[in-house]
Amino acid sequence: LIPLAVAYGAVWGMHKVLGRTRTTMLSAQSISSKVRSTTVA
C-alpha cells in the first residue's frame, strides 16, 4: 500500500506539473513571438 500510494502521488504530481508547463510554455511562446516580430521590425 505504501509504494502504491507513493507511485500514485508521483503520477498525480507529474500530471499537475505537465499542465502548468503547457500553459507556461504557451505564454512564453507568445511573448517570444512578439519579441521576434518587434526585433525584426
PDB file of all heavy atoms in Angstrom:
ATOM      1  N   LEU A   1       0.817  -1.202   0.000  1.00  0.00           N
ATOM      2  CA  LEU A   1       0.000   0.000   0.000  1.00  0.00           C
ATOM      3  C   LEU A   1       0.858   1.261   0.000  1.00  0.00           C
ATOM      4  O   LEU A   1       0.545   2.231  -0.692  1.00  0.00           O
ATOM      5  CB  LEU A   1      -0.937  -0.014   1.214  1.00  0.00           C
ATOM      6  CG  LEU A   1      -2.033   1.032   1.248  1.00  0.00           C
ATOM      7  CD1 LEU A   1      -2.967   0.805   0.069  1.00  0.00           C
ATOM      8  CD2 LEU A   1      -2.789   0.953   2.547  1.00  0.00           C
ATOM      9  N   ILE A   2       1.958   1.243   0.710  1.00  0.00           N
ATOM     10  CA  ILE A   2       2.838   2.417   0.785  1.00  0.00           C
ATOM     11  C   ILE A   2       3.480   2.721  -0.571  1.00  0.00           C
ATOM     12  O   ILE A   2       3.385   3.850  -1.045  1.00  0.00           O
ATOM     13  CB  ILE A   2       3.887   2.243   1.908  1.00  0.00           C
ATOM     14  CG1 ILE A   2       3.170   2.246   3.267  1.00  0.00           C
ATOM     15  CG2 ILE A   2       4.944   3.333   1.845  1.00  0.00           C
ATOM     16  CD1 ILE A   2       4.050   1.859   4.424  1.00  0.00           C
ATOM     17  N   PRO A   3       4.121   1.753  -1.256  1.00  0.00           N
ATOM     18  CA  PRO A   3       4.662   2.078  -2.588  1.00  0.00           C
ATOM     19  C   PRO A   3       3.575   2.464  -3.592  1.00  0.00           C
ATOM     20  O   PRO A   3       3.796   3.320  -4.458  1.00  0.00           O
ATOM     21  CB  PRO A   3       5.364   0.786  -3.034  1.00  0.00           C
ATOM     22  CG  PRO A   3       5.624   0.036  -1.802  1.00  0.00           C
ATOM     23  CD  PRO A   3       4.529   0.410  -0.850  1.00  0.00           C
ATOM     24  N   LEU A   4       2.393   1.877  -3.475  1.00  0.00           N
ATOM     25  CA  LEU A   4       1.300   2.230  -4.366  1.00  0.00           C
ATOM     26  C   LEU A   4       0.866   3.679  -4.143  1.00  0.00           C
ATOM     27  O   LEU A   4       0.647   4.423  -5.101  1.00  0.00           O
ATOM     28  CB  LEU A   4       0.115   1.290  -4.167  1.00  0.00           C
ATOM     29  CG  LEU A   4      -1.090   1.504  -5.075  1.00  0.00           C
ATOM     30  CD1 LEU A   4      -0.697   1.219  -6.521  1.00  0.00           C
ATOM     31  CD2 LEU A   4      -2.234   0.619  -4.642  1.00  0.00           C
ATOM     32  N   ALA A   5       0.803   4.109  -2.896  1.00  0.00           N
ATOM     33  CA  ALA A   5       0.442   5.498  -2.594  1.00  0.00           C
ATOM     34  C   ALA A   5       1.519   6.460  -3.086  1.00  0.00           C
ATOM     35  O   ALA A   5       1.214   7.533  -3.621  1.00  0.00           O
ATOM     36  CB  ALA A   5       0.222   5.661  -1.092  1.00  0.00           C
ATOM     37  N   VAL A   6       2.783   6.094  -2.945  1.00  0.00           N
ATOM     38  CA  VAL A   6       3.878   6.937  -3.429  1.00  0.00           C
ATOM     39  C   VAL A   6       3.835   7.039  -4.951  1.00  0.00           C
ATOM     40  O   VAL A   6       3.998   8.126  -5.521  1.00  0.00           O
ATOM     41  CB  VAL A   6       5.250   6.383  -2.941  1.00  0.00           C
ATOM     42  CG1 VAL A   6       6.394   7.065  -3.652  1.00  0.00           C
ATOM     43  CG2 VAL A   6       5.372   6.537  -1.442  1.00  0.00           C
ATOM     44  N   ALA A   7       3.593   5.932  -5.624  1.00  0.00           N
ATOM     45  CA  ALA A   7       3.519   5.949  -7.084  1.00  0.00           C
ATOM     46  C   ALA A   7       2.328   6.788  -7.552  1.00  0.00           C
ATOM     47  O   ALA A   7       2.434   7.551  -8.513  1.00  0.00           O
ATOM     48  CB  ALA A   7       3.410   4.528  -7.626  1.00  0.00           C
ATOM     49  N   TYR A   8       1.185   6.661  -6.869  1.00  0.00           N
ATOM     50  CA  TYR A   8       0.021   7.474  -7.224  1.00  0.00           C
ATOM     51  C   TYR A   8       0.321   8.956  -7.043  1.00  0.00           C
ATOM     52  O   TYR A   8      -0.021   9.779  -7.891  1.00  0.00           O
ATOM     53  CB  TYR A   8      -1.184   7.070  -6.368  1.00  0.00           C
ATOM     54  CG  TYR A   8      -2.400   7.919  -6.641  1.00  0.00           C
ATOM     55  CD1 TYR A   8      -3.166   7.709  -7.776  1.00  0.00           C
ATOM     56  CD2 TYR A   8      -2.766   8.939  -5.774  1.00  0.00           C
ATOM     57  CE1 TYR A   8      -4.272   8.492  -8.044  1.00  0.00           C
ATOM     58  CE2 TYR A   8      -3.869   9.731  -6.031  1.00  0.00           C
ATOM     59  CZ  TYR A   8      -4.627   9.498  -7.160  1.00  0.00           C
ATOM     60  OH  TYR A   8      -5.719  10.281  -7.415  1.00  0.00           O
ATOM     61  N   GLY A   9       0.983   9.310  -5.949  1.00  0.00           N
ATOM     62  CA  GLY A   9       1.350  10.711  -5.716  1.00  0.00           C
ATOM     63  C   GLY A   9       2.310  11.227  -6.774  1.00  0.00           C
ATOM     64  O   GLY A   9       2.196  12.371  -7.214  1.00  0.00           O
ATOM     65  N   ALA A  10       3.246  10.387  -7.201  1.00  0.00           N
ATOM     66  CA  ALA A  10       4.196  10.804  -8.236  1.00  0.00           C
ATOM     67  C   ALA A  10       3.489  11.037  -9.570  1.00  0.00           C
ATOM     68  O   ALA A  10       3.753  12.023 -10.260  1.00  0.00           O
ATOM     69  CB  ALA A  10       5.292   9.751  -8.394  1.00  0.00           C
ATOM     70  N   VAL A  11       2.566  10.161  -9.931  1.00  0.00           N
ATOM     71  CA  VAL A  11       1.836  10.315 -11.187  1.00  0.00           C
ATOM     72  C   VAL A  11       0.949  11.554 -11.121  1.00  0.00           C
ATOM     73  O   VAL A  11       0.882  12.334 -12.079  1.00  0.00           O
ATOM     74  CB  VAL A  11       0.999   9.051 -11.490  1.00  0.00           C
ATOM     75  CG1 VAL A  11       0.022   9.284 -12.634  1.00  0.00           C
ATOM     76  CG2 VAL A  11       1.919   7.896 -11.823  1.00  0.00           C
ATOM     77  N   TRP A  12       0.271  11.775 -10.014  1.00  0.00           N
ATOM     78  CA  TRP A  12      -0.581  12.952  -9.850  1.00  0.00           C
ATOM     79  C   TRP A  12       0.247  14.239  -9.928  1.00  0.00           C
ATOM     80  O   TRP A  12      -0.144  15.205 -10.581  1.00  0.00           O
ATOM     81  CB  TRP A  12      -1.316  12.875  -8.516  1.00  0.00           C
ATOM     82  CG  TRP A  12      -2.207  14.031  -8.243  1.00  0.00           C
ATOM     83  CD1 TRP A  12      -3.445  14.255  -8.754  1.00  0.00           C
ATOM     84  CD2 TRP A  12      -1.903  15.141  -7.400  1.00  0.00           C
ATOM     85  NE1 TRP A  12      -3.942  15.436  -8.268  1.00  0.00           N
ATOM     86  CE2 TRP A  12      -3.021  16.007  -7.438  1.00  0.00           C
ATOM     87  CE3 TRP A  12      -0.816  15.492  -6.617  1.00  0.00           C
ATOM     88  CZ2 TRP A  12      -3.058  17.191  -6.724  1.00  0.00           C
ATOM     89  CZ3 TRP A  12      -0.863  16.670  -5.896  1.00  0.00           C
ATOM     90  CH2 TRP A  12      -1.973  17.504  -5.961  1.00  0.00           C
ATOM     91  N   GLY A  13       1.409  14.237  -9.263  1.00  0.00           N
ATOM     92  CA  GLY A  13       2.285  15.406  -9.296  1.00  0.00           C
ATOM     93  C   GLY A  13       2.801  15.697 -10.692  1.00  0.00           C
ATOM     94  O   GLY A  13       2.851  16.857 -11.119  1.00  0.00           O
ATOM     95  N   MET A  14       3.190  14.668 -11.423  1.00  0.00           N
ATOM     96  CA  MET A  14       3.670  14.874 -12.790  1.00  0.00           C
ATOM     97  C   MET A  14       2.555  15.393 -13.691  1.00  0.00           C
ATOM     98  O   MET A  14       2.797  16.195 -14.587  1.00  0.00           O
ATOM     99  CB  MET A  14       4.238  13.573 -13.361  1.00  0.00           C
ATOM    100  CG  MET A  14       5.576  13.194 -12.767  1.00  0.00           C
ATOM    101  SD  MET A  14       6.828  14.469 -12.942  1.00  0.00           S
ATOM    102  CE  MET A  14       7.044  14.496 -14.678  1.00  0.00           C
ATOM    103  N   HIS A  15       1.330  14.947 -13.447  1.00  0.00           N
ATOM    104  CA  HIS A  15       0.186  15.449 -14.212  1.00  0.00           C
ATOM    105  C   HIS A  15      -0.009  16.944 -13.956  1.00  0.00           C
ATOM    106  O   HIS A  15      -0.229  17.719 -14.901  1.00  0.00           O
ATOM    107  CB  HIS A  15      -1.068  14.671 -13.843  1.00  0.00           C
ATOM    108  CG  HIS A  15      -2.295  15.117 -14.561  1.00  0.00           C
ATOM    109  ND1 HIS A  15      -2.482  14.882 -15.902  1.00  0.00           N
ATOM    110  CD2 HIS A  15      -3.377  15.794 -14.143  1.00  0.00           C
ATOM    111  CE1 HIS A  15      -3.644  15.401 -16.271  1.00  0.00           C
ATOM    112  NE2 HIS A  15      -4.208  15.959 -15.214  1.00  0.00           N
ATOM    113  N   LYS A  16       0.103  17.367 -12.719  1.00  0.00           N
ATOM    114  CA  LYS A  16      -0.038  18.787 -12.392  1.00  0.00           C
ATOM    115  C   LYS A  16       1.102  19.603 -12.997  1.00  0.00           C
ATOM    116  O   LYS A  16       0.889  20.686 -13.538  1.00  0.00           O
ATOM    117  CB  LYS A  16      -0.063  18.990 -10.869  1.00  0.00           C
ATOM    118  CG  LYS A  16      -1.313  18.500 -10.221  1.00  0.00           C
ATOM    119  CD  LYS A  16      -2.482  19.357 -10.633  1.00  0.00           C
ATOM    120  CE  LYS A  16      -3.734  18.913  -9.919  1.00  0.00           C
ATOM    121  NZ  LYS A  16      -4.908  19.625 -10.329  1.00  0.00           N
ATOM    122  N   VAL A  17       2.322  19.099 -12.897  1.00  0.00           N
ATOM    123  CA  VAL A  17       3.478  19.805 -13.458  1.00  0.00           C
ATOM    124  C   VAL A  17       3.349  19.931 -14.974  1.00  0.00           C
ATOM    125  O   VAL A  17       3.641  20.983 -15.551  1.00  0.00           O
ATOM    126  CB  VAL A  17       4.795  19.086 -13.070  1.00  0.00           C
ATOM    127  CG1 VAL A  17       5.970  19.591 -13.877  1.00  0.00           C
ATOM    128  CG2 VAL A  17       5.061  19.248 -11.578  1.00  0.00           C
ATOM    129  N   LEU A  18       2.893  18.882 -15.636  1.00  0.00           N
ATOM    130  CA  LEU A  18       2.721  18.919 -17.087  1.00  0.00           C
ATOM    131  C   LEU A  18       1.666  19.944 -17.485  1.00  0.00           C
ATOM    132  O   LEU A  18       1.843  20.681 -18.451  1.00  0.00           O
ATOM    133  CB  LEU A  18       2.350  17.537 -17.607  1.00  0.00           C
ATOM    134  CG  LEU A  18       2.183  17.402 -19.117  1.00  0.00           C
ATOM    135  CD1 LEU A  18       3.487  17.719 -19.823  1.00  0.00           C
ATOM    136  CD2 LEU A  18       1.722  16.002 -19.470  1.00  0.00           C
ATOM    137  N   GLY A  19       0.582  20.017 -16.722  1.00  0.00           N
ATOM    138  CA  GLY A  19      -0.454  21.002 -17.014  1.00  0.00           C
ATOM    139  C   GLY A  19       0.052  22.425 -16.878  1.00  0.00           C
ATOM    140  O   GLY A  19      -0.219  23.288 -17.713  1.00  0.00           O
ATOM    141  N   ARG A  20       0.808  22.690 -15.834  1.00  0.00           N
ATOM    142  CA  ARG A  20       1.367  24.029 -15.645  1.00  0.00           C
ATOM    143  C   ARG A  20       2.420  24.343 -16.694  1.00  0.00           C
ATOM    144  O   ARG A  20       2.535  25.483 -17.142  1.00  0.00           O
ATOM    145  CB  ARG A  20       1.967  24.170 -14.255  1.00  0.00           C
ATOM    146  CG  ARG A  20       0.937  24.351 -13.201  1.00  0.00           C
ATOM    147  CD  ARG A  20       1.557  24.756 -11.897  1.00  0.00           C
ATOM    148  NE  ARG A  20       0.511  24.914 -10.896  1.00  0.00           N
ATOM    149  CZ  ARG A  20       0.747  25.150  -9.648  1.00  0.00           C
ATOM    150  NH1 ARG A  20       1.994  25.257  -9.224  1.00  0.00           N
ATOM    151  NH2 ARG A  20      -0.242  25.281  -8.801  1.00  0.00           N
ATOM    152  N   THR A  21       3.196  23.349 -17.075  1.00  0.00           N
ATOM    153  CA  THR A  21       4.235  23.565 -18.079  1.00  0.00           C
ATOM    154  C   THR A  21       3.624  23.930 -19.422  1.00  0.00           C
ATOM    155  O   THR A  21       4.134  24.808 -20.117  1.00  0.00           O
ATOM    156  CB  THR A  21       5.103  22.302 -18.221  1.00  0.00           C
ATOM    157  OG1 THR A  21       5.652  21.977 -16.952  1.00  0.00           O
ATOM    158  CG2 THR A  21       6.221  22.508 -19.207  1.00  0.00           C
ATOM    159  N   ARG A  22       2.522  23.289 -19.771  1.00  0.00           N
ATOM    160  CA  ARG A  22       1.876  23.603 -21.051  1.00  0.00           C
ATOM    161  C   ARG A  22       1.406  25.044 -21.088  1.00  0.00           C
ATOM    162  O   ARG A  22       1.639  25.753 -22.064  1.00  0.00           O
ATOM    163  CB  ARG A  22       0.701  22.664 -21.287  1.00  0.00           C
ATOM    164  CG  ARG A  22       1.106  21.301 -21.730  1.00  0.00           C
ATOM    165  CD  ARG A  22      -0.095  20.440 -22.027  1.00  0.00           C
ATOM    166  NE  ARG A  22       0.341  19.103 -22.410  1.00  0.00           N
ATOM    167  CZ  ARG A  22      -0.402  18.030 -22.280  1.00  0.00           C
ATOM    168  NH1 ARG A  22      -1.617  18.125 -21.793  1.00  0.00           N
ATOM    169  NH2 ARG A  22       0.068  16.867 -22.636  1.00  0.00           N
ATOM    170  N   THR A  23       0.743  25.496 -20.027  1.00  0.00           N
ATOM    171  CA  THR A  23       0.252  26.878 -20.024  1.00  0.00           C
ATOM    172  C   THR A  23       1.410  27.863 -19.985  1.00  0.00           C
ATOM    173  O   THR A  23       1.366  28.899 -20.662  1.00  0.00           O
ATOM    174  CB  THR A  23      -0.680  27.125 -18.827  1.00  0.00           C
ATOM    175  OG1 THR A  23       0.010  26.825 -17.617  1.00  0.00           O
ATOM    176  CG2 THR A  23      -1.937  26.280 -18.925  1.00  0.00           C
ATOM    177  N   THR A  24       2.446  27.544 -19.233  1.00  0.00           N
ATOM    178  CA  THR A  24       3.606  28.430 -19.164  1.00  0.00           C
ATOM    179  C   THR A  24       4.310  28.511 -20.512  1.00  0.00           C
ATOM    180  O   THR A  24       4.715  29.593 -20.945  1.00  0.00           O
ATOM    181  CB  THR A  24       4.589  27.942 -18.086  1.00  0.00           C
ATOM    182  OG1 THR A  24       3.902  27.831 -16.841  1.00  0.00           O
ATOM    183  CG2 THR A  24       5.758  28.885 -17.935  1.00  0.00           C
ATOM    184  N   MET A  25       4.465  27.381 -21.172  1.00  0.00           N
ATOM    185  CA  MET A  25       5.139  27.377 -22.469  1.00  0.00           C
ATOM    186  C   MET A  25       4.326  28.117 -23.535  1.00  0.00           C
ATOM    187  O   MET A  25       4.893  28.766 -24.412  1.00  0.00           O
ATOM    188  CB  MET A  25       5.420  25.941 -22.932  1.00  0.00           C
ATOM    189  CG  MET A  25       6.531  25.290 -22.188  1.00  0.00           C
ATOM    190  SD  MET A  25       8.047  26.224 -22.433  1.00  0.00           S
ATOM    191  CE  MET A  25       8.989  25.702 -21.062  1.00  0.00           C
ATOM    192  N   LEU A  26       3.002  28.020 -23.473  1.00  0.00           N
ATOM    193  CA  LEU A  26       2.185  28.749 -24.437  1.00  0.00           C
ATOM    194  C   LEU A  26       2.336  30.255 -24.248  1.00  0.00           C
ATOM    195  O   LEU A  26       2.459  31.001 -25.226  1.00  0.00           O
ATOM    196  CB  LEU A  26       0.718  28.341 -24.300  1.00  0.00           C
ATOM    197  CG  LEU A  26       0.369  26.971 -24.859  1.00  0.00           C
ATOM    198  CD1 LEU A  26      -1.100  26.641 -24.558  1.00  0.00           C
ATOM    199  CD2 LEU A  26       0.621  26.901 -26.342  1.00  0.00           C
ATOM    200  N   SER A  27       2.356  30.714 -22.998  1.00  0.00           N
ATOM    201  CA  SER A  27       2.525  32.151 -22.784  1.00  0.00           C
ATOM    202  C   SER A  27       3.947  32.583 -23.153  1.00  0.00           C
ATOM    203  O   SER A  27       4.143  33.658 -23.726  1.00  0.00           O
ATOM    204  CB  SER A  27       2.202  32.520 -21.336  1.00  0.00           C
ATOM    205  OG  SER A  27       3.113  31.917 -20.450  1.00  0.00           O
ATOM    206  N   ALA A  28       4.924  31.747 -22.844  1.00  0.00           N
ATOM    207  CA  ALA A  28       6.302  32.073 -23.225  1.00  0.00           C
ATOM    208  C   ALA A  28       6.460  32.102 -24.743  1.00  0.00           C
ATOM    209  O   ALA A  28       7.188  32.932 -25.287  1.00  0.00           O
ATOM    210  CB  ALA A  28       7.272  31.062 -22.622  1.00  0.00           C
ATOM    211  N   GLN A  29       5.768  31.230 -25.434  1.00  0.00           N
ATOM    212  CA  GLN A  29       5.838  31.200 -26.893  1.00  0.00           C
ATOM    213  C   GLN A  29       5.222  32.468 -27.484  1.00  0.00           C
ATOM    214  O   GLN A  29       5.767  33.038 -28.438  1.00  0.00           O
ATOM    215  CB  GLN A  29       5.115  29.969 -27.417  1.00  0.00           C
ATOM    216  CG  GLN A  29       5.219  29.794 -28.915  1.00  0.00           C
ATOM    217  CD  GLN A  29       4.490  28.542 -29.389  1.00  0.00           C
ATOM    218  OE1 GLN A  29       3.705  27.959 -28.657  1.00  0.00           O
ATOM    219  NE2 GLN A  29       4.756  28.153 -30.618  1.00  0.00           N
ATOM    220  N   SER A  30       4.120  32.928 -26.924  1.00  0.00           N
ATOM    221  CA  SER A  30       3.515  34.152 -27.460  1.00  0.00           C
ATOM    222  C   SER A  30       4.394  35.364 -27.190  1.00  0.00           C
ATOM    223  O   SER A  30       4.547  36.236 -28.045  1.00  0.00           O
ATOM    224  CB  SER A  30       2.121  34.360 -26.862  1.00  0.00           C
ATOM    225  OG  SER A  30       2.207  34.714 -25.503  1.00  0.00           O
ATOM    226  N   ILE A  31       5.017  35.421 -26.018  1.00  0.00           N
ATOM    227  CA  ILE A  31       5.924  36.529 -25.706  1.00  0.00           C
ATOM    228  C   ILE A  31       7.135  36.484 -26.634  1.00  0.00           C
ATOM    229  O   ILE A  31       7.573  37.511 -27.156  1.00  0.00           O
ATOM    230  CB  ILE A  31       6.351  36.481 -24.226  1.00  0.00           C
ATOM    231  CG1 ILE A  31       5.155  36.817 -23.335  1.00  0.00           C
ATOM    232  CG2 ILE A  31       7.503  37.429 -23.953  1.00  0.00           C
ATOM    233  CD1 ILE A  31       5.403  36.578 -21.866  1.00  0.00           C
ATOM    234  N   SER A  32       7.669  35.292 -26.863  1.00  0.00           N
ATOM    235  CA  SER A  32       8.816  35.147 -27.762  1.00  0.00           C
ATOM    236  C   SER A  32       8.467  35.569 -29.178  1.00  0.00           C
ATOM    237  O   SER A  32       9.278  36.203 -29.865  1.00  0.00           O
ATOM    238  CB  SER A  32       9.289  33.697 -27.745  1.00  0.00           C
ATOM    239  OG  SER A  32      10.273  33.479 -28.706  1.00  0.00           O
ATOM    240  N   SER A  33       7.265  35.244 -29.625  1.00  0.00           N
ATOM    241  CA  SER A  33       6.837  35.644 -30.960  1.00  0.00           C
ATOM    242  C   SER A  33       6.725  37.163 -31.068  1.00  0.00           C
ATOM    243  O   SER A  33       7.140  37.751 -32.076  1.00  0.00           O
ATOM    244  CB  SER A  33       5.486  34.999 -31.268  1.00  0.00           C
ATOM    245  OG  SER A  33       4.983  35.468 -32.491  1.00  0.00           O
ATOM    246  N   LYS A  34       6.189  37.812 -30.039  1.00  0.00           N
ATOM    247  CA  LYS A  34       6.089  39.274 -30.046  1.00  0.00           C
ATOM    248  C   LYS A  34       7.476  39.914 -30.063  1.00  0.00           C
ATOM    249  O   LYS A  34       7.710  40.890 -30.784  1.00  0.00           O
ATOM    250  CB  LYS A  34       5.313  39.760 -28.826  1.00  0.00           C
ATOM    251  CG  LYS A  34       3.839  39.477 -28.891  1.00  0.00           C
ATOM    252  CD  LYS A  34       3.147  39.925 -27.621  1.00  0.00           C
ATOM    253  CE  LYS A  34       1.698  39.501 -27.614  1.00  0.00           C
ATOM    254  NZ  LYS A  34       1.036  39.845 -26.344  1.00  0.00           N
ATOM    255  N   VAL A  35       8.397  39.373 -29.265  1.00  0.00           N
ATOM    256  CA  VAL A  35       9.766  39.910 -29.229  1.00  0.00           C
ATOM    257  C   VAL A  35      10.429  39.753 -30.585  1.00  0.00           C
ATOM    258  O   VAL A  35      11.085  40.674 -31.077  1.00  0.00           O
ATOM    259  CB  VAL A  35      10.589  39.216 -28.122  1.00  0.00           C
ATOM    260  CG1 VAL A  35      12.066  39.517 -28.256  1.00  0.00           C
ATOM    261  CG2 VAL A  35      10.092  39.640 -26.750  1.00  0.00           C
ATOM    262  N   ARG A  36      10.249  38.581 -31.217  1.00  0.00           N
ATOM    263  CA  ARG A  36      10.857  38.339 -32.528  1.00  0.00           C
ATOM    264  C   ARG A  36      10.309  39.298 -33.580  1.00  0.00           C
ATOM    265  O   ARG A  36      11.075  39.887 -34.350  1.00  0.00           O
ATOM    266  CB  ARG A  36      10.624  36.895 -32.955  1.00  0.00           C
ATOM    267  CG  ARG A  36      11.369  36.536 -34.240  1.00  0.00           C
ATOM    268  CD  ARG A  36      11.080  35.118 -34.689  1.00  0.00           C
ATOM    269  NE  ARG A  36       9.696  35.001 -35.105  1.00  0.00           N
ATOM    270  CZ  ARG A  36       8.815  34.141 -34.567  1.00  0.00           C
ATOM    271  NH1 ARG A  36       9.196  33.342 -33.602  1.00  0.00           N
ATOM    272  NH2 ARG A  36       7.577  34.095 -35.003  1.00  0.00           N
ATOM    273  N   SER A  37       8.994  39.479 -33.610  1.00  0.00           N
ATOM    274  CA  SER A  37       8.423  40.365 -34.626  1.00  0.00           C
ATOM    275  C   SER A  37       8.826  41.819 -34.384  1.00  0.00           C
ATOM    276  O   SER A  37       9.102  42.556 -35.337  1.00  0.00           O
ATOM    277  CB  SER A  37       6.909  40.230 -34.651  1.00  0.00           C
ATOM    278  OG  SER A  37       6.358  40.642 -33.418  1.00  0.00           O
ATOM    279  N   THR A  38       8.897  42.241 -33.123  1.00  0.00           N
ATOM    280  CA  THR A  38       9.337  43.605 -32.822  1.00  0.00           C
ATOM    281  C   THR A  38      10.797  43.796 -33.208  1.00  0.00           C
ATOM    282  O   THR A  38      11.168  44.836 -33.768  1.00  0.00           O
ATOM    283  CB  THR A  38       9.142  43.908 -31.324  1.00  0.00           C
ATOM    284  OG1 THR A  38       7.784  43.649 -30.974  1.00  0.00           O
ATOM    285  CG2 THR A  38       9.489  45.340 -31.000  1.00  0.00           C
ATOM    286  N   THR A  39      11.626  42.800 -32.943  1.00  0.00           N
ATOM    287  CA  THR A  39      13.044  42.884 -33.292  1.00  0.00           C
ATOM    288  C   THR A  39      13.225  42.966 -34.803  1.00  0.00           C
ATOM    289  O   THR A  39      14.033  43.762 -35.293  1.00  0.00           O
ATOM    290  CB  THR A  39      13.791  41.656 -32.754  1.00  0.00           C
ATOM    291  OG1 THR A  39      13.596  41.574 -31.351  1.00  0.00           O
ATOM    292  CG2 THR A  39      15.272  41.737 -33.042  1.00  0.00           C
ATOM    293  N   VAL A  40      12.475  42.170 -35.537  1.00  0.00           N
ATOM    294  CA  VAL A  40      12.568  42.207 -36.997  1.00  0.00           C
ATOM    295  C   VAL A  40      12.141  43.571 -37.524  1.00  0.00           C
ATOM    296  O   VAL A  40      12.782  44.153 -38.413  1.00  0.00           O
ATOM    297  CB  VAL A  40      11.728  41.071 -37.626  1.00  0.00           C
ATOM    298  CG1 VAL A  40      11.525  41.283 -39.108  1.00  0.00           C
ATOM    299  CG2 VAL A  40      12.383  39.735 -37.365  1.00  0.00           C
ATOM    300  N   ALA A  41      11.062  44.124 -36.976  1.00  0.00           N
ATOM    301  CA  ALA A  41      10.577  45.425 -37.438  1.00  0.00           C
ATOM    302  C   ALA A  41      11.605  46.522 -37.183  1.00  0.00           C
ATOM    303  O   ALA A  41      11.899  47.348 -38.066  1.00  0.00           O
ATOM    304  CB  ALA A  41       9.260  45.764 -36.746  1.00  0.00           C
TER     305      ALA A  41
END
